[in-house]
Protein backbone atom coordinates (compact mmCIF):
# COMPACT_ATOMS: atom_id res chain seq x y z
CA UNK A 1 -42.58 39.66 37.58
CA UNK A 2 -42.90 40.97 34.05
CA UNK A 3 -41.41 38.96 31.01
CA UNK A 4 -38.52 40.88 29.51
CA UNK A 5 -37.26 38.50 27.12
CA UNK A 6 -38.63 35.42 25.51
CA UNK A 7 -38.11 32.86 22.56
CA UNK A 8 -40.89 30.70 21.37
CA UNK A 9 -39.99 27.51 18.95
CA UNK A 10 -36.69 28.59 18.03
CA UNK A 11 -35.02 26.68 15.23
CA UNK A 12 -31.29 27.41 14.02
CA UNK A 13 -29.74 25.86 11.05
CA UNK A 14 -26.07 25.93 9.86
CA UNK A 15 -26.28 24.81 6.21
CA UNK A 16 -27.82 21.29 6.72
CA UNK A 17 -27.08 20.88 10.44
CA UNK A 18 -29.66 22.11 12.54
CA UNK A 19 -28.29 23.21 16.18
CA UNK A 20 -31.45 24.38 17.84
CA UNK A 21 -34.75 22.55 17.63
CA UNK A 22 -38.01 24.15 18.81
CA UNK A 23 -36.46 25.76 21.88
CA UNK A 24 -38.69 28.19 24.16
CA UNK A 25 -37.09 30.08 27.07
CA UNK A 26 -38.71 33.08 29.17
CA UNK A 27 -36.72 35.31 31.16
CA UNK A 28 -38.11 38.07 33.58
CA UNK A 29 -36.71 41.16 35.20
CA UNK A 30 -34.21 40.75 37.72
CA UNK A 31 -34.11 36.54 37.17
CA UNK A 32 -31.01 34.56 36.66
CA UNK A 33 -31.58 31.85 34.35
CA UNK A 34 -28.86 29.07 33.09
CA UNK A 35 -28.84 26.46 30.41
CA UNK A 36 -26.77 23.86 31.07
CA UNK A 37 -25.52 21.24 28.57
CA UNK A 38 -22.29 19.62 27.11
CA UNK A 39 -19.99 21.43 24.65
CA UNK A 40 -21.89 21.17 21.24
CA UNK A 41 -25.27 20.63 22.85
CA UNK A 42 -26.51 24.07 21.15
CA UNK A 43 -26.86 26.10 24.19
CA UNK A 44 -24.15 28.96 22.85
CA UNK A 45 -26.23 29.10 19.66
CA UNK A 46 -29.60 29.60 21.39
CA UNK A 47 -27.81 32.12 23.76
CA UNK A 48 -26.80 33.98 20.45
CA UNK A 49 -30.15 33.90 18.94
CA UNK A 50 -31.88 35.14 21.89
CA UNK A 51 -29.42 38.10 21.95
CA UNK A 52 -30.36 39.01 18.19
CA UNK A 53 -26.62 38.07 16.94
CA UNK A 54 -27.66 34.96 14.92
CA UNK A 55 -31.16 35.16 13.25
CA UNK A 56 -33.33 32.29 13.75
CA UNK A 57 -34.26 29.82 11.26
CA UNK A 58 -37.77 29.44 12.67
CA UNK A 59 -39.80 30.66 15.90
CA UNK A 60 -39.66 33.99 17.29
CA UNK A 61 -37.47 36.21 19.92
CA UNK A 62 -39.14 39.43 21.79
CA UNK A 63 -37.77 41.74 23.64
CA UNK A 64 -40.12 43.87 26.05
CA UNK A 65 -42.89 42.63 23.68
CA UNK A 66 -41.13 43.55 20.36
CA UNK A 67 -40.02 40.88 17.92
CA UNK A 68 -36.61 41.03 16.86
CA UNK A 69 -37.17 40.12 13.41
CA UNK A 70 -39.06 43.55 13.01
CA UNK A 71 -36.39 45.47 13.70
CA UNK A 72 -34.10 47.06 11.30
CA UNK A 73 -29.92 46.37 11.54
CA UNK A 74 -29.54 49.87 12.85
CA UNK A 75 -32.27 49.56 15.74
CA UNK A 76 -31.16 45.76 16.51
CA UNK A 77 -27.25 47.19 16.64
CA UNK A 78 -28.71 50.05 19.10
CA UNK A 79 -30.48 47.20 21.06
CA UNK A 80 -27.43 45.15 21.63
CA UNK A 81 -25.46 48.10 22.25
CA UNK A 82 -27.68 49.90 24.90
CA UNK A 83 -29.87 47.45 26.31
CA UNK A 84 -28.11 44.28 26.49
CA UNK A 85 -24.73 43.13 28.08
CA UNK A 86 -22.28 40.29 27.22
CA UNK A 87 -19.79 38.43 29.46
CA UNK A 88 -17.78 36.08 27.39
CA UNK A 89 -15.51 32.85 28.72
CA UNK A 90 -12.28 35.09 28.27
CA UNK A 91 -13.31 38.48 28.94
CA UNK A 92 -12.11 39.70 25.43
CA UNK A 93 -10.89 43.30 26.76
CA UNK A 94 -9.24 45.48 24.22
CA UNK A 95 -5.40 45.30 25.00
CA UNK A 96 -4.98 48.81 24.05
CA UNK A 97 -7.68 50.28 26.65
CA UNK A 98 -6.81 50.51 30.27
CA UNK A 99 -9.12 48.88 32.64
CA UNK A 100 -11.27 51.87 33.27
CA UNK A 101 -11.45 52.46 29.64
CA UNK A 102 -12.60 49.23 28.71
CA UNK A 103 -15.27 49.26 31.15
CA UNK A 104 -16.72 52.29 29.98
CA UNK A 105 -16.93 51.38 26.36
CA UNK A 106 -20.54 50.80 26.19
CA UNK A 107 -21.32 54.17 27.36
CA UNK A 108 -18.69 55.74 25.07
CA UNK A 109 -20.19 53.66 22.16
CA UNK A 110 -23.63 55.16 23.32
CA UNK A 111 -22.42 58.54 23.23
CA UNK A 112 -21.77 59.31 26.60
CA UNK A 113 -19.23 61.88 27.15
CA UNK A 114 -15.53 60.61 28.20
CA UNK A 115 -15.71 62.11 31.94
CA UNK A 116 -19.31 60.95 33.06
CA UNK A 117 -18.51 57.44 31.28
CA UNK A 118 -15.10 56.94 33.13
CA UNK A 119 -16.90 57.90 36.38
CA UNK A 120 -19.63 55.49 36.09
CA UNK A 121 -16.64 52.82 34.99
CA UNK A 122 -14.86 53.60 38.16
CA UNK A 123 -18.11 53.03 40.48
CA UNK A 124 -18.79 49.79 38.99
CA UNK A 125 -15.09 48.70 39.54
CA UNK A 126 -14.96 49.87 42.88
CA UNK A 127 -18.00 47.77 43.66
CA UNK A 128 -16.14 44.67 41.93
CA UNK A 129 -13.14 45.45 44.03
CA UNK A 130 -10.95 46.91 41.25
CA UNK A 131 -10.66 50.28 42.01
CA UNK A 132 -6.92 50.13 42.34
CA UNK A 133 -6.50 48.69 38.82
CA UNK A 134 -8.21 51.44 36.95
CA UNK A 135 -5.13 52.59 35.02
CA UNK A 136 -3.50 49.23 34.36
CA UNK A 137 -3.86 47.35 30.79
CA UNK A 138 -5.61 44.09 30.44
CA UNK A 139 -2.07 42.50 30.15
CA UNK A 140 -1.01 43.92 33.52
CA UNK A 141 -4.09 42.05 35.49
CA UNK A 142 -4.64 38.37 36.18
CA UNK A 143 -7.30 36.29 34.64
CA UNK A 144 -9.62 36.33 37.68
CA UNK A 145 -9.24 40.59 37.45
CA UNK A 146 -9.67 40.46 33.64
CA UNK A 147 -12.89 38.47 34.17
CA UNK A 148 -14.20 40.80 36.96
CA UNK A 149 -13.54 43.76 34.50
CA UNK A 150 -15.54 42.21 31.76
CA UNK A 151 -18.31 41.60 34.28
CA UNK A 152 -17.87 45.36 34.99
CA UNK A 153 -18.28 46.29 31.37
CA UNK A 154 -21.49 44.22 30.92
CA UNK A 155 -23.14 45.86 33.55
CA UNK A 156 -21.92 49.63 33.44
CA UNK A 157 -24.65 50.75 31.50
CA UNK A 158 -27.26 48.89 33.49
CA UNK A 159 -28.63 46.70 30.58
CA UNK A 160 -32.07 45.22 31.00
CA UNK A 161 -30.19 41.65 29.89
CA UNK A 162 -26.79 40.26 30.47
CA UNK A 163 -26.11 37.21 28.09
CA UNK A 164 -23.24 35.21 29.72
CA UNK A 165 -21.44 32.48 27.63
CA UNK A 166 -19.19 30.38 30.02
CA UNK A 167 -18.34 33.43 31.99
CA UNK A 168 -16.16 31.48 34.55
CA UNK A 169 -15.12 28.64 32.33
CA UNK A 170 -11.70 29.71 31.81
CA UNK A 171 -10.82 30.45 35.63
CA UNK A 172 -10.06 28.11 38.05
CA UNK A 173 -12.80 27.09 41.21
CA UNK A 174 -11.58 29.69 43.35
CA UNK A 175 -11.71 32.61 41.15
CA UNK A 176 -14.79 31.34 39.39
CA UNK A 177 -16.60 31.47 42.59
CA UNK A 178 -15.68 34.72 43.18
CA UNK A 179 -16.36 36.08 39.68
CA UNK A 180 -19.80 34.76 39.88
CA UNK A 181 -21.08 35.73 43.18
CA UNK A 182 -19.88 39.33 42.37
CA UNK A 183 -21.51 39.05 38.87
CA UNK A 184 -24.97 37.84 40.07
CA UNK A 185 -24.94 39.85 43.20
CA UNK A 186 -24.57 43.16 41.16
CA UNK A 187 -26.68 42.30 38.61
CA UNK A 188 -29.45 41.39 40.78
CA UNK A 189 -28.97 44.70 42.77
CA UNK A 190 -29.75 46.50 39.58
CA UNK A 191 -32.61 44.50 38.09
CA UNK A 192 -30.75 43.01 35.43
CA UNK A 193 -31.78 39.74 34.28
CA UNK A 194 -28.95 37.36 33.27
CA UNK A 195 -29.14 34.53 30.95
CA UNK A 196 -25.90 32.24 31.24
CA UNK A 197 -24.82 29.10 29.53
CA UNK A 198 -22.49 26.77 31.32
CA UNK A 199 -21.45 22.93 31.09
CA UNK A 200 -20.69 23.46 35.05
CA UNK A 201 -23.61 22.40 37.42
CA UNK A 202 -22.05 24.58 40.15
CA UNK A 203 -22.58 27.35 38.13
CA UNK A 204 -26.16 26.61 37.17
CA UNK A 205 -26.74 25.75 40.87
CA UNK A 206 -26.61 29.75 41.28
CA UNK A 207 -29.86 30.46 39.10
CA UNK A 208 -33.23 31.23 39.71
CA UNK A 209 -34.28 28.96 37.07
CA UNK A 210 -32.48 26.24 34.81
CA UNK A 211 -33.03 24.51 31.47
CA UNK A 212 -30.66 21.68 30.28
CA UNK A 213 -29.96 21.15 26.52
CA UNK A 214 -28.82 18.12 24.46
CA UNK A 215 -28.43 17.57 20.96
CA UNK A 216 -30.27 21.10 20.18
CA UNK A 217 -33.28 20.45 22.25
CA UNK A 218 -33.73 22.56 25.31
CA UNK A 219 -35.59 20.51 28.24
CA UNK A 220 -38.38 21.89 30.51
CA UNK A 221 -37.86 24.96 32.82
CA UNK A 222 -36.89 24.08 36.53
CA UNK A 223 -36.87 26.05 39.50
CA UNK A 224 -33.26 26.89 41.03
CA UNK A 225 -32.39 26.01 44.67
CA UNK A 226 -32.28 29.90 44.99
């Protein structure tokens, strides 16, 4: 597999506090990697460094061989919009949009016309068992359904990498297992690489590779059970 995303020697400071210390990560096309650790260990900060959301204090991040620090603001924004997808702990759907419109949002922001964008959204929603909810608002669906919509939104534009920050942390165990299975199954079928952070060992066990983080230090890579 070819490497799609890498971080080498990443440091991140918030003022005088150091959140990430010399972290190195490698992610390949179609790979699912998990970073585990307790709250405050620095795993979410590292995720956002790798996604180009937080500028690193030291070290480097590369996507498809290109250094993120060499990209201008517009180019970096386009990269996050077009090549990356994001799943957050609480879904963060826009309340004024329907389920279908929320799902289509990455395509619409990239300039795709409404009709094909909604058609693509409907296809992904159908694969996640959400076709009947297309016209509902986020307030009219359950927590588990809302998180599946967030997964559909992250994958609808077939990104190269999806960054998932505690994607099932707000769900009960049954809904968490369902969402995770659907998320990772669809991502793998599309050849999308997934980097997820979690404190849950059962979630991490679904990954192809795992890292453990503590006090800003990322432990050695290990291969998952899958």
